[in-house]
Amino acid sequence: MKKRITLSLLSLTAAFSLMSCSSGPNARTGTVLGGLGGAAAGGIIGHQSGRGLEGAAIGAGLGALGGNIIGGAQDERNARYYRRSHRGYY
């Protein structure tokens, strides 16, 4: 039981420390949606081996990280498009 709690807290700490890599609106939304989807998928996969909470914690961390990366990339594309399309209109 203690090992499970330690692993869960370690996974959540790692996820929270990596979530602020990008801070645009799509990155934040991607982080939340990725974390929820990853927790659901990890919980289902972990349940098959009798470790649903650990699977959910690991899935949430990985999903949040992936969602943040994808959302941050979308924010960067939007920023490049905005800079390119509004050049010279000052």
C-alpha atoms as a PDB file:
ATOM      1  CA  MET A   1       0.000   0.000   0.000  1.00  0.00           C
ATOM      2  CA  LYS A   2       2.783   2.417   0.896  1.00  0.00           C
ATOM      3  CA  LYS A   3       4.561   1.654  -2.372  1.00  0.00           C
ATOM      4  CA  ARG A   4       1.367   2.408  -4.312  1.00  0.00           C
ATOM      5  CA  ILE A   5       0.922   5.782  -2.616  1.00  0.00           C
ATOM      6  CA  THR A   6       4.569   6.672  -3.161  1.00  0.00           C
ATOM      7  CA  LEU A   7       4.376   5.758  -6.846  1.00  0.00           C
ATOM      8  CA  SER A   8       1.155   7.714  -7.300  1.00  0.00           C
ATOM      9  CA  LEU A   9       2.561  10.820  -5.608  1.00  0.00           C
ATOM     10  CA  LEU A  10       5.768  10.581  -7.605  1.00  0.00           C
ATOM     11  CA  SER A  11       3.829  10.323 -10.858  1.00  0.00           C
ATOM     12  CA  LEU A  12       1.612  13.271  -9.993  1.00  0.00           C
ATOM     13  CA  THR A  13       4.579  15.380  -8.935  1.00  0.00           C
ATOM     14  CA  ALA A  14       6.361  14.650 -12.207  1.00  0.00           C
ATOM     15  CA  ALA A  15       3.233  15.477 -14.188  1.00  0.00           C
ATOM     16  CA  PHE A  16       2.640  18.770 -12.388  1.00  0.00           C
ATOM     17  CA  SER A  17       6.258  19.824 -12.772  1.00  0.00           C
ATOM     18  CA  LEU A  18       6.139  19.243 -16.530  1.00  0.00           C
ATOM     19  CA  MET A  19       2.717  20.747 -17.185  1.00  0.00           C
ATOM     20  CA  SER A  20       3.893  24.335 -17.274  1.00  0.00           C
ATOM     21  CA  CYS A  21       6.163  23.846 -20.274  1.00  0.00           C
ATOM     22  CA  SER A  22       3.718  25.789 -22.448  1.00  0.00           C
ATOM     23  CA  SER A  23       1.171  28.189 -21.107  1.00  0.00           C
ATOM     24  CA  GLY A  24      -1.007  29.202 -24.051  1.00  0.00           C
ATOM     25  CA  PRO A  25      -4.737  28.534 -24.098  1.00  0.00           C
ATOM     26  CA  ASN A  26      -4.469  25.415 -26.280  1.00  0.00           C
ATOM     27  CA  ALA A  27      -1.633  24.062 -24.140  1.00  0.00           C
ATOM     28  CA  ARG A  28      -3.672  24.433 -20.965  1.00  0.00           C
ATOM     29  CA  THR A  29      -6.725  22.835 -22.554  1.00  0.00           C
ATOM     30  CA  GLY A  30      -4.592  20.041 -23.995  1.00  0.00           C
ATOM     31  CA  THR A  31      -3.033  19.410 -20.596  1.00  0.00           C
ATOM     32  CA  VAL A  32      -6.405  19.012 -18.916  1.00  0.00           C
ATOM     33  CA  LEU A  33      -7.953  16.887 -21.652  1.00  0.00           C
ATOM     34  CA  GLY A  34      -4.816  14.773 -22.023  1.00  0.00           C
ATOM     35  CA  GLY A  35      -4.661  14.213 -18.278  1.00  0.00           C
ATOM     36  CA  LEU A  36      -8.289  13.134 -18.105  1.00  0.00           C
ATOM     37  CA  GLY A  37      -8.011  10.862 -21.119  1.00  0.00           C
ATOM     38  CA  GLY A  38      -4.734   9.405 -19.910  1.00  0.00           C
ATOM     39  CA  ALA A  39      -6.149   8.768 -16.450  1.00  0.00           C
ATOM     40  CA  ALA A  40      -9.138   6.959 -17.941  1.00  0.00           C
ATOM     41  CA  ALA A  41      -7.010   4.849 -20.266  1.00  0.00           C
ATOM     42  CA  GLY A  42      -4.396   4.160 -17.597  1.00  0.00           C
ATOM     43  CA  GLY A  43      -7.083   3.206 -15.090  1.00  0.00           C
ATOM     44  CA  ILE A  44      -8.625   0.736 -17.505  1.00  0.00           C
ATOM     45  CA  ILE A  45      -5.279  -0.771 -18.461  1.00  0.00           C
ATOM     46  CA  GLY A  46      -4.101  -0.844 -14.846  1.00  0.00           C
ATOM     47  CA  HIS A  47      -7.336  -2.480 -13.726  1.00  0.00           C
ATOM     48  CA  GLN A  48      -6.532  -5.470 -15.918  1.00  0.00           C
ATOM     49  CA  SER A  49      -3.448  -6.138 -13.786  1.00  0.00           C
ATOM     50  CA  GLY A  50      -5.054  -5.223 -10.466  1.00  0.00           C
ATOM     51  CA  ARG A  51      -3.357  -1.812 -10.221  1.00  0.00           C
ATOM     52  CA  GLY A  52      -5.998   0.630 -11.390  1.00  0.00           C
ATOM     53  CA  LEU A  53      -4.905   3.613  -9.284  1.00  0.00           C
ATOM     54  CA  GLU A  54      -1.283   3.340 -10.305  1.00  0.00           C
ATOM     55  CA  GLY A  55      -2.268   3.001 -13.940  1.00  0.00           C
ATOM     56  CA  ALA A  56      -4.540   6.036 -13.669  1.00  0.00           C
ATOM     57  CA  ALA A  57      -1.791   8.127 -12.060  1.00  0.00           C
ATOM     58  CA  ILE A  58       0.796   7.180 -14.668  1.00  0.00           C
ATOM     59  CA  GLY A  59      -1.713   7.632 -17.494  1.00  0.00           C
ATOM     60  CA  ALA A  60      -2.720  11.043 -16.178  1.00  0.00           C
ATOM     61  CA  GLY A  61       0.887  12.202 -16.066  1.00  0.00           C
ATOM     62  CA  LEU A  62       1.733  10.961 -19.538  1.00  0.00           C
ATOM     63  CA  GLY A  63      -1.551  12.185 -21.000  1.00  0.00           C
ATOM     64  CA  ALA A  64      -1.098  15.637 -19.475  1.00  0.00           C
ATOM     65  CA  LEU A  65       2.422  15.866 -20.843  1.00  0.00           C
ATOM     66  CA  GLY A  66       1.337  14.770 -24.302  1.00  0.00           C
ATOM     67  CA  GLY A  67      -1.636  17.125 -24.310  1.00  0.00           C
ATOM     68  CA  ASN A  68       0.570  20.017 -23.250  1.00  0.00           C
ATOM     69  CA  ILE A  69       3.037  19.340 -26.035  1.00  0.00           C
ATOM     70  CA  ILE A  70       0.324  19.102 -28.679  1.00  0.00           C
ATOM     71  CA  GLY A  71      -1.510  22.197 -27.401  1.00  0.00           C
ATOM     72  CA  GLY A  72       1.739  24.152 -27.193  1.00  0.00           C
ATOM     73  CA  ALA A  73       2.521  23.290 -30.799  1.00  0.00           C
ATOM     74  CA  GLN A  74      -0.924  24.546 -31.831  1.00  0.00           C
ATOM     75  CA  ASP A  75      -0.352  27.779 -29.888  1.00  0.00           C
ATOM     76  CA  GLU A  76       2.968  28.252 -31.678  1.00  0.00           C
ATOM     77  CA  ARG A  77       1.342  27.700 -35.089  1.00  0.00           C
ATOM     78  CA  ASN A  78      -1.385  30.205 -34.223  1.00  0.00           C
ATOM     79  CA  ALA A  79       1.211  32.761 -33.102  1.00  0.00           C
ATOM     80  CA  ARG A  80       3.226  32.341 -36.317  1.00  0.00           C
ATOM     81  CA  TYR A  81       0.092  32.721 -38.409  1.00  0.00           C
ATOM     82  CA  TYR A  82      -0.930  35.847 -36.487  1.00  0.00           C
ATOM     83  CA  ARG A  83       2.519  37.425 -36.855  1.00  0.00           C
ATOM     84  CA  ARG A  84       2.632  36.593 -40.571  1.00  0.00           C
ATOM     85  CA  SER A  85      -0.890  37.797 -41.369  1.00  0.00           C
ATOM     86  CA  HIS A  86      -0.645  41.046 -39.383  1.00  0.00           C
ATOM     87  CA  ARG A  87       2.743  42.177 -40.639  1.00  0.00           C
ATOM     88  CA  GLY A  88       2.750  45.857 -41.559  1.00  0.00           C
ATOM     89  CA  TYR A  89      -0.651  46.775 -40.066  1.00  0.00           C
ATOM     90  CA  TYR A  90       0.608  48.834 -37.148  1.00  0.00           C
END
